[in-house]
Amino acid sequence: MASGQCPNTIIGIIQTTLGEINSWATGCGLSLNRRKTELMLSTTKYKLSLPLSRELQKVNLDLVQAMDLAKDLREEVKKIREKKDAFSAIYEASKKIAENLDIEIKHKRIARRQKNRANPEVQSTEDYFRATAFNPFLDFYIMDLGEGFTKHENILEGFSALFKHDLNEIDKVADKFIKTVEFYQEFLTTKPHAVLVELKVWKRYLIRKGDIKPGNSLDALDHCPEEKFPNINALLRILATLPVSTFTAERTFSSLKRIKTILRNPTKEDRLNGLTTLAIHHDIPITADEVIDELSKKSRKLDFLL
């Protein structure tokens, strides 16, 4: 499957799926219009992350490049969030899909008092889904990009000096580079200001070799001999091995599969969350006193006998 055809292919699959769901629901006398509308809107919204998703799948992508891409996407999503007419195009595209599937787009009943679901005071169906689906999605997406990529910006921003090709540009980010060197000082052999000088010498070395301009850490390592520039080589190796993303969610599901066996199927949510947390964060030590203190917070008919 070509990557450029992915969105259209996904929409085609969803249209076919929604058609089957619609036939099944009609036969059972059910109405799923609102859920299907939210699914169609979500399909269009997730196209925003397609460019970043493609880049994250590249083999030679390092953390600095990923952080820059995430920052650009975050700023673009912020602009979309601020535009009042940005949702109109998405809504019209969803309406066309709904017409092809014979689905009526309508929103939930607006009540005077409602605590269990979204209940915005709106005048149209488009405004309802903008307030309950589109804007919350963008707010969460902006927050998630910030937490996932840009929270280590102060430390990682210094790595950008490794890819500055002008010595004057290196001087502009020298303070950030020194902070990064100080953070990884235990892996280096000289002091931060000496590493900065080594960086400038390495840049002159690249210019003398034919004005080489590496675009990522792996390319830079090929042109940074360790015997001549040991500290710059160490920083490039650190940058190349820093993970761009993690599989925490996948590991969580794997742990849950091992914990919730057939015998533990009746386990309630609180107990299951506790067992899963213990299994995932097994490296955190827990003493018997901490367990007793936690159990003692709840009143019990029987006293603890130690």
C-alpha atoms as a PDB file:
ATOM      1  CA  MET A   1       0.000   0.000   0.000  1.00  0.00           C
ATOM      2  CA  ALA A   2       1.460   3.357  -0.976  1.00  0.00           C
ATOM      3  CA  SER A   3       1.793   5.828   1.849  1.00  0.00           C
ATOM      4  CA  GLY A   4       0.201   8.608  -0.197  1.00  0.00           C
ATOM      5  CA  GLN A   5      -2.953   6.543  -0.671  1.00  0.00           C
ATOM      6  CA  CYS A   6      -3.349   5.734   3.001  1.00  0.00           C
ATOM      7  CA  PRO A   7      -6.010   8.348   3.953  1.00  0.00           C
ATOM      8  CA  ASN A   8      -8.260   7.565   0.994  1.00  0.00           C
ATOM      9  CA  THR A   9      -7.876   3.858   1.629  1.00  0.00           C
ATOM     10  CA  ILE A  10      -8.754   4.301   5.309  1.00  0.00           C
ATOM     11  CA  ILE A  11     -11.824   6.360   4.431  1.00  0.00           C
ATOM     12  CA  GLY A  12     -12.907   3.711   1.944  1.00  0.00           C
ATOM     13  CA  ILE A  13     -12.556   0.992   4.575  1.00  0.00           C
ATOM     14  CA  ILE A  14     -14.476   3.055   7.114  1.00  0.00           C
ATOM     15  CA  GLN A  15     -17.244   3.769   4.609  1.00  0.00           C
ATOM     16  CA  THR A  16     -17.604   0.041   3.927  1.00  0.00           C
ATOM     17  CA  THR A  17     -17.557  -0.737   7.658  1.00  0.00           C
ATOM     18  CA  LEU A  18     -20.102   1.936   8.458  1.00  0.00           C
ATOM     19  CA  GLY A  19     -22.334   0.632   5.712  1.00  0.00           C
ATOM     20  CA  GLU A  20     -22.261  -2.857   7.244  1.00  0.00           C
ATOM     21  CA  ILE A  21     -22.875  -1.430  10.738  1.00  0.00           C
ATOM     22  CA  ASN A  22     -25.760   0.622   9.396  1.00  0.00           C
ATOM     23  CA  SER A  23     -27.385  -2.439   7.827  1.00  0.00           C
ATOM     24  CA  TRP A  24     -26.928  -4.459  11.014  1.00  0.00           C
ATOM     25  CA  ALA A  25     -28.234  -1.669  13.265  1.00  0.00           C
ATOM     26  CA  THR A  26     -31.262  -1.081  11.055  1.00  0.00           C
ATOM     27  CA  GLY A  27     -32.116  -4.751  11.163  1.00  0.00           C
ATOM     28  CA  CYS A  28     -31.884  -4.729  14.957  1.00  0.00           C
ATOM     29  CA  GLY A  29     -33.875  -1.518  15.296  1.00  0.00           C
ATOM     30  CA  LEU A  30     -30.912   0.489  16.698  1.00  0.00           C
ATOM     31  CA  SER A  31     -29.764   4.037  15.962  1.00  0.00           C
ATOM     32  CA  LEU A  32     -26.033   4.662  15.859  1.00  0.00           C
ATOM     33  CA  ASN A  33     -25.971   7.905  13.897  1.00  0.00           C
ATOM     34  CA  ARG A  34     -24.131   9.994  16.484  1.00  0.00           C
ATOM     35  CA  ARG A  35     -21.389   7.401  17.023  1.00  0.00           C
ATOM     36  CA  LYS A  36     -20.914   7.007  13.283  1.00  0.00           C
ATOM     37  CA  THR A  37     -20.696  10.763  12.873  1.00  0.00           C
ATOM     38  CA  GLU A  38     -17.949  10.986  15.494  1.00  0.00           C
ATOM     39  CA  LEU A  39     -16.052   8.175  13.738  1.00  0.00           C
ATOM     40  CA  MET A  40     -16.220   9.971  10.389  1.00  0.00           C
ATOM     41  CA  LEU A  41     -15.025  13.210  11.986  1.00  0.00           C
ATOM     42  CA  SER A  42     -12.155  11.387  13.732  1.00  0.00           C
ATOM     43  CA  THR A  43     -10.993   9.912  10.413  1.00  0.00           C
ATOM     44  CA  THR A  44     -10.570  13.387   8.973  1.00  0.00           C
ATOM     45  CA  LYS A  45      -8.981  14.789  12.140  1.00  0.00           C
ATOM     46  CA  TYR A  46      -6.286  12.114  12.310  1.00  0.00           C
ATOM     47  CA  LYS A  47      -5.000  13.209   8.905  1.00  0.00           C
ATOM     48  CA  LEU A  48      -3.310  16.053  10.779  1.00  0.00           C
ATOM     49  CA  SER A  49      -0.786  13.621  12.247  1.00  0.00           C
ATOM     50  CA  LEU A  50      -0.032  11.796   8.985  1.00  0.00           C
ATOM     51  CA  PRO A  51       3.124  13.792   8.039  1.00  0.00           C
ATOM     52  CA  LEU A  52       4.630  13.332  11.508  1.00  0.00           C
ATOM     53  CA  SER A  53       3.684   9.641  11.548  1.00  0.00           C
ATOM     54  CA  ARG A  54       5.510   9.080   8.262  1.00  0.00           C
ATOM     55  CA  GLU A  55       8.641  10.827   9.530  1.00  0.00           C
ATOM     56  CA  LEU A  56       8.658   8.891  12.809  1.00  0.00           C
ATOM     57  CA  GLN A  57       8.825   5.630  10.852  1.00  0.00           C
ATOM     58  CA  LYS A  58      12.108   6.560   9.181  1.00  0.00           C
ATOM     59  CA  VAL A  59      15.180   4.609  10.266  1.00  0.00           C
ATOM     60  CA  ASN A  60      17.632   7.538  10.336  1.00  0.00           C
ATOM     61  CA  LEU A  61      15.448   9.973  12.294  1.00  0.00           C
ATOM     62  CA  ASP A  62      17.026  11.296  15.487  1.00  0.00           C
ATOM     63  CA  LEU A  63      15.417  13.016  18.459  1.00  0.00           C
ATOM     64  CA  VAL A  64      16.354  16.551  17.414  1.00  0.00           C
ATOM     65  CA  GLN A  65      14.661  16.141  14.038  1.00  0.00           C
ATOM     66  CA  ALA A  66      11.604  14.551  15.657  1.00  0.00           C
ATOM     67  CA  MET A  67      11.375  17.397  18.176  1.00  0.00           C
ATOM     68  CA  ASP A  68      11.534  20.005  15.406  1.00  0.00           C
ATOM     69  CA  LEU A  69       8.802  18.206  13.451  1.00  0.00           C
ATOM     70  CA  ALA A  70       6.629  17.955  16.554  1.00  0.00           C
ATOM     71  CA  LYS A  71       7.089  21.664  17.313  1.00  0.00           C
ATOM     72  CA  ASP A  72       6.111  22.615  13.749  1.00  0.00           C
ATOM     73  CA  LEU A  73       3.046  20.372  13.845  1.00  0.00           C
ATOM     74  CA  ARG A  74       2.073  21.691  17.268  1.00  0.00           C
ATOM     75  CA  GLU A  75       2.196  25.296  16.041  1.00  0.00           C
ATOM     76  CA  GLU A  76       0.144  24.382  12.976  1.00  0.00           C
ATOM     77  CA  VAL A  77      -2.495  22.626  15.085  1.00  0.00           C
ATOM     78  CA  LYS A  78      -2.647  25.685  17.348  1.00  0.00           C
ATOM     79  CA  LYS A  79      -3.419  27.849  14.314  1.00  0.00           C
ATOM     80  CA  ILE A  80      -6.154  25.429  13.250  1.00  0.00           C
ATOM     81  CA  ARG A  81      -7.561  25.557  16.770  1.00  0.00           C
ATOM     82  CA  GLU A  82      -7.747  29.345  16.660  1.00  0.00           C
ATOM     83  CA  LYS A  83      -9.527  29.458  13.275  1.00  0.00           C
ATOM     84  CA  LYS A  84     -13.288  29.431  13.621  1.00  0.00           C
ATOM     85  CA  ASP A  85     -13.893  28.127  10.093  1.00  0.00           C
ATOM     86  CA  ALA A  86     -11.319  25.293  10.236  1.00  0.00           C
ATOM     87  CA  PHE A  87     -13.910  22.735  11.303  1.00  0.00           C
ATOM     88  CA  SER A  88     -16.387  23.676   8.547  1.00  0.00           C
ATOM     89  CA  ALA A  89     -14.387  21.922   5.806  1.00  0.00           C
ATOM     90  CA  ILE A  90     -14.056  18.769   7.926  1.00  0.00           C
ATOM     91  CA  TYR A  91     -17.761  18.831   8.714  1.00  0.00           C
ATOM     92  CA  GLU A  92     -18.727  19.223   5.035  1.00  0.00           C
ATOM     93  CA  ALA A  93     -16.457  16.295   4.065  1.00  0.00           C
ATOM     94  CA  SER A  94     -18.113  14.163   6.753  1.00  0.00           C
ATOM     95  CA  LYS A  95     -21.562  15.174   5.464  1.00  0.00           C
ATOM     96  CA  LYS A  96     -20.692  13.906   1.992  1.00  0.00           C
ATOM     97  CA  ILE A  97     -19.600  10.557   3.427  1.00  0.00           C
ATOM     98  CA  ALA A  98     -22.814  10.420   5.472  1.00  0.00           C
ATOM     99  CA  GLU A  99     -24.937  11.107   2.389  1.00  0.00           C
ATOM    100  CA  ASN A 100     -23.257   8.252   0.511  1.00  0.00           C
ATOM    101  CA  LEU A 101     -24.005   5.901   3.438  1.00  0.00           C
ATOM    102  CA  ASP A 102     -27.507   7.262   3.997  1.00  0.00           C
ATOM    103  CA  ILE A 103     -26.638   8.385   7.533  1.00  0.00           C
ATOM    104  CA  GLU A 104     -28.365  11.310   9.164  1.00  0.00           C
ATOM    105  CA  ILE A 105     -26.021  13.597  11.082  1.00  0.00           C
ATOM    106  CA  LYS A 106     -27.659  14.832  14.259  1.00  0.00           C
ATOM    107  CA  HIS A 107     -26.550  15.706  17.750  1.00  0.00           C
ATOM    108  CA  LYS A 108     -27.737  14.657  21.175  1.00  0.00           C
ATOM    109  CA  ARG A 109     -30.591  16.391  22.898  1.00  0.00           C
ATOM    110  CA  ILE A 110     -29.616  19.553  24.745  1.00  0.00           C
ATOM    111  CA  ALA A 111     -30.846  19.503  28.345  1.00  0.00           C
ATOM    112  CA  ARG A 112     -31.030  22.226  30.954  1.00  0.00           C
ATOM    113  CA  ARG A 113     -29.001  20.224  33.445  1.00  0.00           C
ATOM    114  CA  GLN A 114     -26.595  17.488  32.421  1.00  0.00           C
ATOM    115  CA  LYS A 115     -23.603  16.037  34.284  1.00  0.00           C
ATOM    116  CA  ASN A 116     -22.876  12.741  32.520  1.00  0.00           C
ATOM    117  CA  ARG A 117     -22.053  13.993  29.007  1.00  0.00           C
ATOM    118  CA  ALA A 118     -21.244  17.118  27.029  1.00  0.00           C
ATOM    119  CA  ASN A 119     -24.167  19.524  26.948  1.00  0.00           C
ATOM    120  CA  PRO A 120     -23.058  22.733  25.147  1.00  0.00           C
ATOM    121  CA  GLU A 121     -25.505  25.496  24.358  1.00  0.00           C
ATOM    122  CA  VAL A 122     -25.257  25.525  20.551  1.00  0.00           C
ATOM    123  CA  GLN A 123     -27.549  26.408  17.683  1.00  0.00           C
ATOM    124  CA  SER A 124     -26.524  23.861  15.033  1.00  0.00           C
ATOM    125  CA  THR A 125     -25.241  20.326  14.626  1.00  0.00           C
ATOM    126  CA  GLU A 126     -21.949  21.629  13.272  1.00  0.00           C
ATOM    127  CA  ASP A 127     -21.395  23.748  16.398  1.00  0.00           C
ATOM    128  CA  TYR A 128     -22.252  20.748  18.594  1.00  0.00           C
ATOM    129  CA  PHE A 129     -19.590  18.489  17.095  1.00  0.00           C
ATOM    130  CA  ARG A 130     -17.107  21.369  17.026  1.00  0.00           C
ATOM    131  CA  ALA A 131     -17.544  21.833  20.775  1.00  0.00           C
ATOM    132  CA  THR A 132     -17.748  18.153  21.780  1.00  0.00           C
ATOM    133  CA  ALA A 133     -15.401  16.398  19.328  1.00  0.00           C
ATOM    134  CA  PHE A 134     -13.143  18.712  17.310  1.00  0.00           C
ATOM    135  CA  ASN A 135     -11.921  21.247  19.873  1.00  0.00           C
ATOM    136  CA  PRO A 136     -11.323  18.680  22.677  1.00  0.00           C
ATOM    137  CA  PHE A 137      -9.349  16.523  20.240  1.00  0.00           C
ATOM    138  CA  LEU A 138      -7.115  19.439  19.215  1.00  0.00           C
ATOM    139  CA  ASP A 139      -6.578  20.500  22.838  1.00  0.00           C
ATOM    140  CA  PHE A 140      -5.517  16.985  23.809  1.00  0.00           C
ATOM    141  CA  TYR A 141      -3.335  16.669  20.693  1.00  0.00           C
ATOM    142  CA  ILE A 142      -1.513  19.940  21.437  1.00  0.00           C
ATOM    143  CA  MET A 143      -0.957  18.876  25.041  1.00  0.00           C
ATOM    144  CA  ASP A 144       0.234  15.392  24.035  1.00  0.00           C
ATOM    145  CA  LEU A 145       2.748  16.757  21.518  1.00  0.00           C
ATOM    146  CA  GLY A 146       4.100  19.056  24.201  1.00  0.00           C
ATOM    147  CA  GLU A 147       4.476  16.303  26.772  1.00  0.00           C
ATOM    148  CA  GLY A 148       5.817  13.695  24.362  1.00  0.00           C
ATOM    149  CA  PHE A 149       8.426  15.717  22.493  1.00  0.00           C
ATOM    150  CA  THR A 150       9.033  19.235  23.756  1.00  0.00           C
ATOM    151  CA  LYS A 151       9.262  18.732  27.537  1.00  0.00           C
ATOM    152  CA  HIS A 152      13.024  17.975  27.222  1.00  0.00           C
ATOM    153  CA  GLU A 153      13.554  20.890  24.862  1.00  0.00           C
ATOM    154  CA  ASN A 154      15.884  22.829  27.163  1.00  0.00           C
ATOM    155  CA  ILE A 155      18.389  19.946  27.256  1.00  0.00           C
ATOM    156  CA  LEU A 156      18.037  18.650  23.725  1.00  0.00           C
ATOM    157  CA  GLU A 157      18.027  22.037  22.038  1.00  0.00           C
ATOM    158  CA  GLY A 158      21.769  22.196  22.546  1.00  0.00           C
ATOM    159  CA  PHE A 159      22.208  19.276  20.142  1.00  0.00           C
ATOM    160  CA  SER A 160      21.111  21.582  17.323  1.00  0.00           C
ATOM    161  CA  ALA A 161      24.581  23.173  17.452  1.00  0.00           C
ATOM    162  CA  LEU A 162      25.971  19.927  16.028  1.00  0.00           C
ATOM    163  CA  PHE A 163      24.139  20.646  12.768  1.00  0.00           C
ATOM    164  CA  LYS A 164      24.877  24.357  12.446  1.00  0.00           C
ATOM    165  CA  HIS A 165      27.104  24.867   9.414  1.00  0.00           C
ATOM    166  CA  ASP A 166      28.048  28.475  10.144  1.00  0.00           C
ATOM    167  CA  LEU A 167      30.397  29.217  13.035  1.00  0.00           C
ATOM    168  CA  ASN A 168      28.469  32.398  13.817  1.00  0.00           C
ATOM    169  CA  GLU A 169      25.297  30.330  14.197  1.00  0.00           C
ATOM    170  CA  ILE A 170      27.122  28.054  16.648  1.00  0.00           C
ATOM    171  CA  ASP A 171      28.018  31.082  18.774  1.00  0.00           C
ATOM    172  CA  LYS A 172      24.316  32.013  18.994  1.00  0.00           C
ATOM    173  CA  VAL A 173      23.417  28.646  20.546  1.00  0.00           C
ATOM    174  CA  ALA A 174      26.654  28.205  22.508  1.00  0.00           C
ATOM    175  CA  ASP A 175      24.939  28.589  25.894  1.00  0.00           C
ATOM    176  CA  LYS A 176      22.380  25.898  25.080  1.00  0.00           C
ATOM    177  CA  PHE A 177      25.119  23.614  23.787  1.00  0.00           C
ATOM    178  CA  ILE A 178      27.114  24.047  27.007  1.00  0.00           C
ATOM    179  CA  LYS A 179      24.024  23.130  29.089  1.00  0.00           C
ATOM    180  CA  THR A 180      23.643  19.948  27.046  1.00  0.00           C
ATOM    181  CA  VAL A 181      27.332  19.124  27.504  1.00  0.00           C
ATOM    182  CA  GLU A 182      27.018  19.668  31.264  1.00  0.00           C
ATOM    183  CA  PHE A 183      24.028  17.312  31.349  1.00  0.00           C
ATOM    184  CA  TYR A 184      26.040  14.515  29.656  1.00  0.00           C
ATOM    185  CA  GLN A 185      29.367  15.434  31.280  1.00  0.00           C
ATOM    186  CA  GLU A 186      29.912  11.945  32.728  1.00  0.00           C
ATOM    187  CA  PHE A 187      30.222  10.521  29.178  1.00  0.00           C
ATOM    188  CA  LEU A 188      32.746  13.134  28.046  1.00  0.00           C
ATOM    189  CA  THR A 189      36.445  13.565  28.735  1.00  0.00           C
ATOM    190  CA  THR A 190      36.817  17.373  28.827  1.00  0.00           C
ATOM    191  CA  LYS A 191      35.016  20.406  30.236  1.00  0.00           C
ATOM    192  CA  PRO A 192      32.047  22.059  28.428  1.00  0.00           C
ATOM    193  CA  HIS A 193      33.979  25.041  26.995  1.00  0.00           C
ATOM    194  CA  ALA A 194      36.660  22.701  25.641  1.00  0.00           C
ATOM    195  CA  VAL A 195      33.946  20.632  23.947  1.00  0.00           C
ATOM    196  CA  LEU A 196      32.608  23.819  22.339  1.00  0.00           C
ATOM    197  CA  VAL A 197      36.062  24.494  20.883  1.00  0.00           C
ATOM    198  CA  GLU A 198      36.210  20.884  19.668  1.00  0.00           C
ATOM    199  CA  LEU A 199      32.859  21.419  17.941  1.00  0.00           C
ATOM    200  CA  LYS A 200      34.178  24.438  16.035  1.00  0.00           C
ATOM    201  CA  VAL A 201      37.311  22.556  15.023  1.00  0.00           C
ATOM    202  CA  TRP A 202      35.136  19.684  13.762  1.00  0.00           C
ATOM    203  CA  LYS A 203      33.080  22.127  11.675  1.00  0.00           C
ATOM    204  CA  ARG A 204      36.259  23.491  10.093  1.00  0.00           C
ATOM    205  CA  TYR A 205      37.308  19.895   9.436  1.00  0.00           C
ATOM    206  CA  LEU A 206      34.053  19.266   7.560  1.00  0.00           C
ATOM    207  CA  ILE A 207      34.491  22.441   5.508  1.00  0.00           C
ATOM    208  CA  ARG A 208      38.034  21.412   4.546  1.00  0.00           C
ATOM    209  CA  LYS A 209      36.811  17.927   3.533  1.00  0.00           C
ATOM    210  CA  GLY A 210      34.441  19.398   0.950  1.00  0.00           C
ATOM    211  CA  ASP A 211      31.888  21.476   2.874  1.00  0.00           C
ATOM    212  CA  ILE A 212      30.107  18.391   4.243  1.00  0.00           C
ATOM    213  CA  LYS A 213      26.716  19.199   5.824  1.00  0.00           C
ATOM    214  CA  PRO A 214      25.283  16.156   7.633  1.00  0.00           C
ATOM    215  CA  GLY A 215      21.543  16.279   8.192  1.00  0.00           C
ATOM    216  CA  ASN A 216      21.225  13.838  11.098  1.00  0.00           C
ATOM    217  CA  SER A 217      23.285  12.135  13.751  1.00  0.00           C
ATOM    218  CA  LEU A 218      23.977   8.961  11.754  1.00  0.00           C
ATOM    219  CA  ASP A 219      25.318  10.904   8.781  1.00  0.00           C
ATOM    220  CA  ALA A 220      27.389  13.061  11.120  1.00  0.00           C
ATOM    221  CA  LEU A 221      28.958  10.001  12.778  1.00  0.00           C
ATOM    222  CA  ASP A 222      30.300   8.864   9.407  1.00  0.00           C
ATOM    223  CA  HIS A 223      32.294  12.110   9.177  1.00  0.00           C
ATOM    224  CA  CYS A 224      33.398  12.400  12.803  1.00  0.00           C
ATOM    225  CA  PRO A 225      36.454  10.204  13.534  1.00  0.00           C
ATOM    226  CA  GLU A 226      36.514   9.257  17.198  1.00  0.00           C
ATOM    227  CA  GLU A 227      40.292   9.525  17.535  1.00  0.00           C
ATOM    228  CA  LYS A 228      40.226  13.188  16.441  1.00  0.00           C
ATOM    229  CA  PHE A 229      36.942  14.369  17.991  1.00  0.00           C
ATOM    230  CA  PRO A 230      36.115  11.982  20.864  1.00  0.00           C
ATOM    231  CA  ASN A 231      33.642  14.246  22.657  1.00  0.00           C
ATOM    232  CA  ILE A 232      31.690  15.273  19.566  1.00  0.00           C
ATOM    233  CA  ASN A 233      31.606  11.613  18.542  1.00  0.00           C
ATOM    234  CA  ALA A 234      30.235  10.702  21.980  1.00  0.00           C
ATOM    235  CA  LEU A 235      27.510  13.372  21.759  1.00  0.00           C
ATOM    236  CA  LEU A 236      26.502  12.157  18.310  1.00  0.00           C
ATOM    237  CA  ARG A 237      26.296   8.570  19.565  1.00  0.00           C
ATOM    238  CA  ILE A 238      24.135   9.710  22.496  1.00  0.00           C
ATOM    239  CA  LEU A 239      21.831  11.591  20.132  1.00  0.00           C
ATOM    240  CA  ALA A 240      21.626   8.644  17.742  1.00  0.00           C
ATOM    241  CA  THR A 241      20.628   6.240  20.518  1.00  0.00           C
ATOM    242  CA  LEU A 242      18.059   8.436  22.285  1.00  0.00           C
ATOM    243  CA  PRO A 243      14.658   6.875  21.530  1.00  0.00           C
ATOM    244  CA  VAL A 244      12.282   9.080  19.567  1.00  0.00           C
ATOM    245  CA  SER A 245       9.234   7.264  20.910  1.00  0.00           C
ATOM    246  CA  THR A 246       8.480   4.431  23.325  1.00  0.00           C
ATOM    247  CA  PHE A 247       6.140   1.469  23.440  1.00  0.00           C
ATOM    248  CA  THR A 248       4.822   2.075  26.949  1.00  0.00           C
ATOM    249  CA  ALA A 249       1.217   1.582  25.895  1.00  0.00           C
ATOM    250  CA  GLU A 250       1.991  -1.701  24.122  1.00  0.00           C
ATOM    251  CA  ARG A 251       3.933  -2.981  27.138  1.00  0.00           C
ATOM    252  CA  THR A 252       0.984  -2.061  29.359  1.00  0.00           C
ATOM    253  CA  PHE A 253      -1.397  -4.156  27.291  1.00  0.00           C
ATOM    254  CA  SER A 254       1.068  -7.047  27.317  1.00  0.00           C
ATOM    255  CA  SER A 255       1.249  -6.885  31.111  1.00  0.00           C
ATOM    256  CA  LEU A 256      -2.522  -6.714  31.375  1.00  0.00           C
ATOM    257  CA  LYS A 257      -2.819  -9.839  29.236  1.00  0.00           C
ATOM    258  CA  ARG A 258      -0.598 -11.747  31.664  1.00  0.00           C
ATOM    259  CA  ILE A 259      -2.358 -10.414  34.766  1.00  0.00           C
ATOM    260  CA  LYS A 260      -6.020 -10.721  33.855  1.00  0.00           C
ATOM    261  CA  THR A 261      -6.231 -14.453  33.375  1.00  0.00           C
ATOM    262  CA  ILE A 262      -9.420 -16.532  33.335  1.00  0.00           C
ATOM    263  CA  LEU A 263      -9.190 -17.080  37.100  1.00  0.00           C
ATOM    264  CA  ARG A 264      -8.878 -13.321  37.683  1.00  0.00           C
ATOM    265  CA  ASN A 265     -11.698 -12.379  35.326  1.00  0.00           C
ATOM    266  CA  PRO A 266     -14.043 -11.203  38.162  1.00  0.00           C
ATOM    267  CA  THR A 267     -11.345  -8.844  39.484  1.00  0.00           C
ATOM    268  CA  LYS A 268     -12.680  -5.341  40.032  1.00  0.00           C
ATOM    269  CA  GLU A 269     -11.161  -2.263  38.419  1.00  0.00           C
ATOM    270  CA  ASP A 270      -9.350  -0.886  41.482  1.00  0.00           C
ATOM    271  CA  ARG A 271      -7.631  -4.176  42.248  1.00  0.00           C
ATOM    272  CA  LEU A 272      -6.770  -4.735  38.592  1.00  0.00           C
ATOM    273  CA  ASN A 273      -5.238  -1.249  38.335  1.00  0.00           C
ATOM    274  CA  GLY A 274      -3.154  -1.932  41.429  1.00  0.00           C
ATOM    275  CA  LEU A 275      -1.879  -5.285  40.167  1.00  0.00           C
ATOM    276  CA  THR A 276      -1.067  -3.825  36.753  1.00  0.00           C
ATOM    277  CA  THR A 277       0.811  -0.905  38.307  1.00  0.00           C
ATOM    278  CA  LEU A 278       2.878  -3.292  40.444  1.00  0.00           C
ATOM    279  CA  ALA A 279       3.714  -5.419  37.410  1.00  0.00           C
ATOM    280  CA  ILE A 280       4.689  -2.503  35.170  1.00  0.00           C
ATOM    281  CA  HIS A 281       6.676  -0.555  37.785  1.00  0.00           C
ATOM    282  CA  HIS A 282       8.307  -3.576  39.373  1.00  0.00           C
ATOM    283  CA  ASP A 283      11.548  -1.642  39.819  1.00  0.00           C
ATOM    284  CA  ILE A 284       9.986   0.586  42.503  1.00  0.00           C
ATOM    285  CA  PRO A 285      10.544  -1.017  45.931  1.00  0.00           C
ATOM    286  CA  ILE A 286       7.562  -1.289  48.304  1.00  0.00           C
ATOM    287  CA  THR A 287       8.027  -2.052  51.984  1.00  0.00           C
ATOM    288  CA  ALA A 288       5.650  -3.947  54.265  1.00  0.00           C
ATOM    289  CA  ASP A 289       5.145  -0.808  56.365  1.00  0.00           C
ATOM    290  CA  GLU A 290       3.836   1.085  53.337  1.00  0.00           C
ATOM    291  CA  VAL A 291       1.332  -1.686  52.609  1.00  0.00           C
ATOM    292  CA  ILE A 292       0.123  -1.722  56.218  1.00  0.00           C
ATOM    293  CA  ASP A 293      -0.230   2.074  56.266  1.00  0.00           C
ATOM    294  CA  GLU A 294      -2.330   1.948  53.120  1.00  0.00           C
ATOM    295  CA  LEU A 295      -4.567  -0.837  54.447  1.00  0.00           C
ATOM    296  CA  SER A 296      -5.029   0.953  57.760  1.00  0.00           C
ATOM    297  CA  LYS A 297      -6.638   3.946  56.070  1.00  0.00           C
ATOM    298  CA  LYS A 298      -9.831   1.956  55.601  1.00  0.00           C
ATOM    299  CA  SER A 299     -11.897   0.963  58.636  1.00  0.00           C
ATOM    300  CA  ARG A 300     -12.139  -2.789  59.128  1.00  0.00           C
ATOM    301  CA  LYS A 301     -14.037  -5.114  61.465  1.00  0.00           C
ATOM    302  CA  LEU A 302     -10.872  -7.037  62.367  1.00  0.00           C
ATOM    303  CA  ASP A 303      -7.703  -5.482  63.752  1.00  0.00           C
ATOM    304  CA  PHE A 304      -4.295  -6.208  62.273  1.00  0.00           C
ATOM    305  CA  LEU A 305      -2.264  -8.525  64.497  1.00  0.00           C
ATOM    306  CA  LEU A 306       1.473  -8.233  63.947  1.00  0.00           C
END
